[in-house]
């Protein structure tokens, strides 16, 4: 009688162990499918060093995030960020700027849930007010410069997207 009872307890322990491991395997494969996509409106103040003025940008950052991996081996992400309809106004000059471009960035996470916020420092081209004509005062001629409009993404424990913030000031 005791032998059967011992086998029953052992079988219950084995089944409980399998039940605990298989949900992790199922969850860990959840994000390895289609990429997550979203267009996030933002307002961000950047500094144009060439013109020595702050520029307040307003537009949309289109984001595409690919997540691969699992809680056992770790996670890898690839983010493609593209600016759409992004314009700005110079704080000193009142000039109208345009920001354009696409940036692709990656990040890796250790095994376990990838739940800490990750900031992707996306960099774009800031075009100064135009037209740019050299030797025609009083308007100085400025070349395009680069500016950063970061995207901060927090993933859920299963690798799916939990929250998104574009810019520092949102």
Protein backbone atom coordinates (compact mmCIF):
# COMPACT_ATOMS: atom_id res chain seq x y z
CA UNK A 1 0.00 0.00 0.00
CA UNK A 2 2.79 2.39 0.80
CA UNK A 3 4.47 1.71 -2.50
CA UNK A 4 1.41 2.79 -4.46
CA UNK A 5 1.10 5.91 -2.39
CA UNK A 6 4.75 6.79 -3.04
CA UNK A 7 4.30 6.28 -6.76
CA UNK A 8 1.19 8.46 -6.70
CA UNK A 9 3.04 11.28 -4.95
CA UNK A 10 5.96 10.94 -7.36
CA UNK A 11 3.60 11.05 -10.36
CA UNK A 12 1.87 14.15 -8.98
CA UNK A 13 5.29 15.82 -8.52
CA UNK A 14 6.29 14.97 -12.10
CA UNK A 15 3.02 16.31 -13.53
CA UNK A 16 3.32 19.51 -11.46
CA UNK A 17 6.86 20.06 -12.77
CA UNK A 18 5.73 19.59 -16.36
CA UNK A 19 2.80 21.97 -15.86
CA UNK A 20 5.16 24.66 -14.55
CA UNK A 21 7.66 24.32 -17.41
CA UNK A 22 5.32 24.11 -20.40
CA UNK A 23 3.52 27.44 -19.78
CA UNK A 24 6.92 29.16 -19.88
CA UNK A 25 7.69 27.48 -23.19
CA UNK A 26 4.32 28.54 -24.61
CA UNK A 27 4.64 32.13 -23.40
CA UNK A 28 8.23 32.44 -24.52
CA UNK A 29 7.28 31.86 -28.14
CA UNK A 30 4.49 34.44 -28.14
CA UNK A 31 6.30 37.43 -29.71
CA UNK A 32 8.19 35.48 -32.39
CA UNK A 33 5.58 36.20 -35.03
CA UNK A 34 4.51 39.34 -36.80
CA UNK A 35 6.21 42.64 -35.91
CA UNK A 36 4.46 45.15 -33.68
CA UNK A 37 3.69 48.44 -35.47
CA UNK A 38 2.37 51.77 -34.29
CA UNK A 39 2.46 55.47 -35.20
CA UNK A 40 2.97 57.64 -32.13
CA UNK A 41 2.30 61.41 -32.21
CA UNK A 42 4.81 63.49 -30.26
CA UNK A 43 6.06 66.97 -29.38
CA UNK A 44 9.75 67.23 -28.55
CA UNK A 45 12.14 70.14 -28.02
CA UNK A 46 15.57 69.58 -29.57
CA UNK A 47 18.62 71.83 -29.88
CA UNK A 48 19.99 72.87 -33.26
CA UNK A 49 23.68 73.48 -32.49
CA UNK A 50 24.39 74.96 -35.94
CA UNK A 51 21.84 77.76 -35.41
CA UNK A 52 22.25 77.89 -31.61
CA UNK A 53 18.53 77.64 -30.95
CA UNK A 54 15.95 75.25 -29.53
CA UNK A 55 13.41 73.83 -31.95
CA UNK A 56 10.05 72.43 -30.88
CA UNK A 57 9.16 69.52 -33.17
CA UNK A 58 5.67 68.12 -33.66
CA UNK A 59 4.95 65.05 -35.75
CA UNK A 60 4.54 61.29 -35.79
CA UNK A 61 7.14 58.60 -35.23
CA UNK A 62 6.23 55.32 -36.95
CA UNK A 63 7.64 52.36 -35.03
CA UNK A 64 8.12 48.74 -36.09
CA UNK A 65 9.44 46.39 -33.40
CA UNK A 66 10.61 42.80 -33.95
CA UNK A 67 11.05 40.73 -30.78
CA UNK A 68 12.67 37.28 -30.75
CA UNK A 69 13.75 35.01 -27.94
CA UNK A 70 12.30 33.67 -24.73
CA UNK A 71 12.61 33.78 -20.94
CA UNK A 72 15.15 30.94 -20.98
CA UNK A 73 17.69 32.11 -23.59
CA UNK A 74 17.09 35.87 -23.51
CA UNK A 75 15.54 38.37 -25.91
CA UNK A 76 16.61 40.40 -28.94
CA UNK A 77 14.75 43.39 -30.35
CA UNK A 78 15.09 45.43 -33.52
CA UNK A 79 13.31 48.79 -33.78
CA UNK A 80 12.78 50.75 -36.99
CA UNK A 81 11.75 54.36 -36.31
CA UNK A 82 10.62 56.70 -39.10
CA UNK A 83 9.49 60.32 -38.80
CA UNK A 84 6.35 61.37 -40.67
CA UNK A 85 5.03 64.92 -41.11
CA UNK A 86 7.44 66.31 -38.53
CA UNK A 87 7.93 70.07 -38.47
CA UNK A 88 9.30 72.48 -35.93
CA UNK A 89 9.60 76.14 -35.02
CA UNK A 90 12.83 77.80 -33.90
CA UNK A 91 12.54 79.40 -30.44
CA UNK A 92 14.74 82.39 -31.38
CA UNK A 93 14.29 82.79 -35.13
CA UNK A 94 10.70 81.60 -35.48
CA UNK A 95 11.95 79.74 -38.57
CA UNK A 96 10.19 76.61 -39.78
CA UNK A 97 12.23 73.41 -39.61
CA UNK A 98 11.59 69.92 -41.00
CA UNK A 99 12.84 66.67 -39.48
CA UNK A 100 13.13 63.55 -41.62
CA UNK A 101 14.64 60.11 -41.66
CA UNK A 102 14.64 56.52 -40.52
CA UNK A 103 16.80 54.85 -37.90
CA UNK A 104 17.13 51.16 -36.99
CA UNK A 105 18.32 50.19 -33.50
CA UNK A 106 18.72 46.93 -31.58
CA UNK A 107 18.72 45.81 -27.96
CA UNK A 108 19.28 42.54 -26.11
CA UNK A 109 17.87 41.33 -22.80
CA UNK A 110 19.17 38.69 -20.38
CA UNK A 111 17.08 35.55 -19.75
CA UNK A 112 13.93 36.20 -17.76
CA UNK A 113 11.09 38.64 -18.34
CA UNK A 114 12.21 41.66 -20.47
CA UNK A 115 10.14 44.10 -18.44
CA UNK A 116 12.56 46.99 -17.89
CA UNK A 117 11.97 50.10 -20.06
CA UNK A 118 14.44 50.36 -22.95
CA UNK A 119 15.22 53.67 -24.65
CA UNK A 120 16.15 53.51 -28.32
CA UNK A 121 18.04 56.77 -29.16
CA UNK A 122 16.67 57.29 -32.69
CA UNK A 123 18.56 59.96 -34.64
CA UNK A 124 17.12 61.99 -37.54
CA UNK A 125 18.07 64.86 -39.85
CA UNK A 126 16.87 68.36 -38.95
CA UNK A 127 16.59 70.63 -41.99
CA UNK A 128 16.85 74.36 -41.19
CA UNK A 129 14.54 77.04 -42.57
CA UNK A 130 15.13 77.56 -46.28
CA UNK A 131 15.92 78.50 -48.86
CA UNK A 132 19.58 78.52 -47.93
CA UNK A 133 21.43 81.16 -49.94
CA UNK A 134 25.05 81.81 -49.12
CA UNK A 135 26.38 85.36 -49.07
CA UNK A 136 22.89 86.89 -48.91
CA UNK A 137 22.56 88.68 -45.56
CA UNK A 138 20.82 88.92 -43.19
CA UNK A 139 19.88 85.22 -43.38
CA UNK A 140 22.77 82.91 -42.44
CA UNK A 141 23.05 79.57 -44.21
CA UNK A 142 22.90 76.51 -41.96
CA UNK A 143 23.50 72.93 -42.99
CA UNK A 144 21.17 70.18 -41.83
CA UNK A 145 22.04 68.78 -38.41
CA UNK A 146 21.13 65.62 -36.52
CA UNK A 147 18.68 65.46 -33.64
CA UNK A 148 17.52 62.67 -31.37
CA UNK A 149 13.87 61.74 -30.84
CA UNK A 150 14.07 58.66 -28.59
CA UNK A 151 11.48 55.92 -28.26
CA UNK A 152 11.14 54.19 -24.88
CA UNK A 153 9.44 50.79 -25.01
CA UNK A 154 8.52 48.53 -22.11
CA UNK A 155 7.83 44.88 -22.92
CA UNK A 156 5.52 42.58 -21.00
CA UNK A 157 6.84 39.37 -19.41
CA UNK A 158 5.96 37.41 -22.57
CA UNK A 159 7.86 39.81 -24.88
CA UNK A 160 4.79 41.63 -26.21
CA UNK A 161 4.71 45.44 -26.14
CA UNK A 162 3.42 46.89 -22.88
CA UNK A 163 3.93 50.65 -23.27
CA UNK A 164 5.55 53.18 -25.62
CA UNK A 165 6.73 56.75 -25.16
CA UNK A 166 8.27 58.92 -27.88
CA UNK A 167 10.47 61.83 -26.88
CA UNK A 168 11.85 62.95 -23.54
CA UNK A 169 9.05 65.33 -22.66
CA UNK A 170 5.95 63.13 -23.13
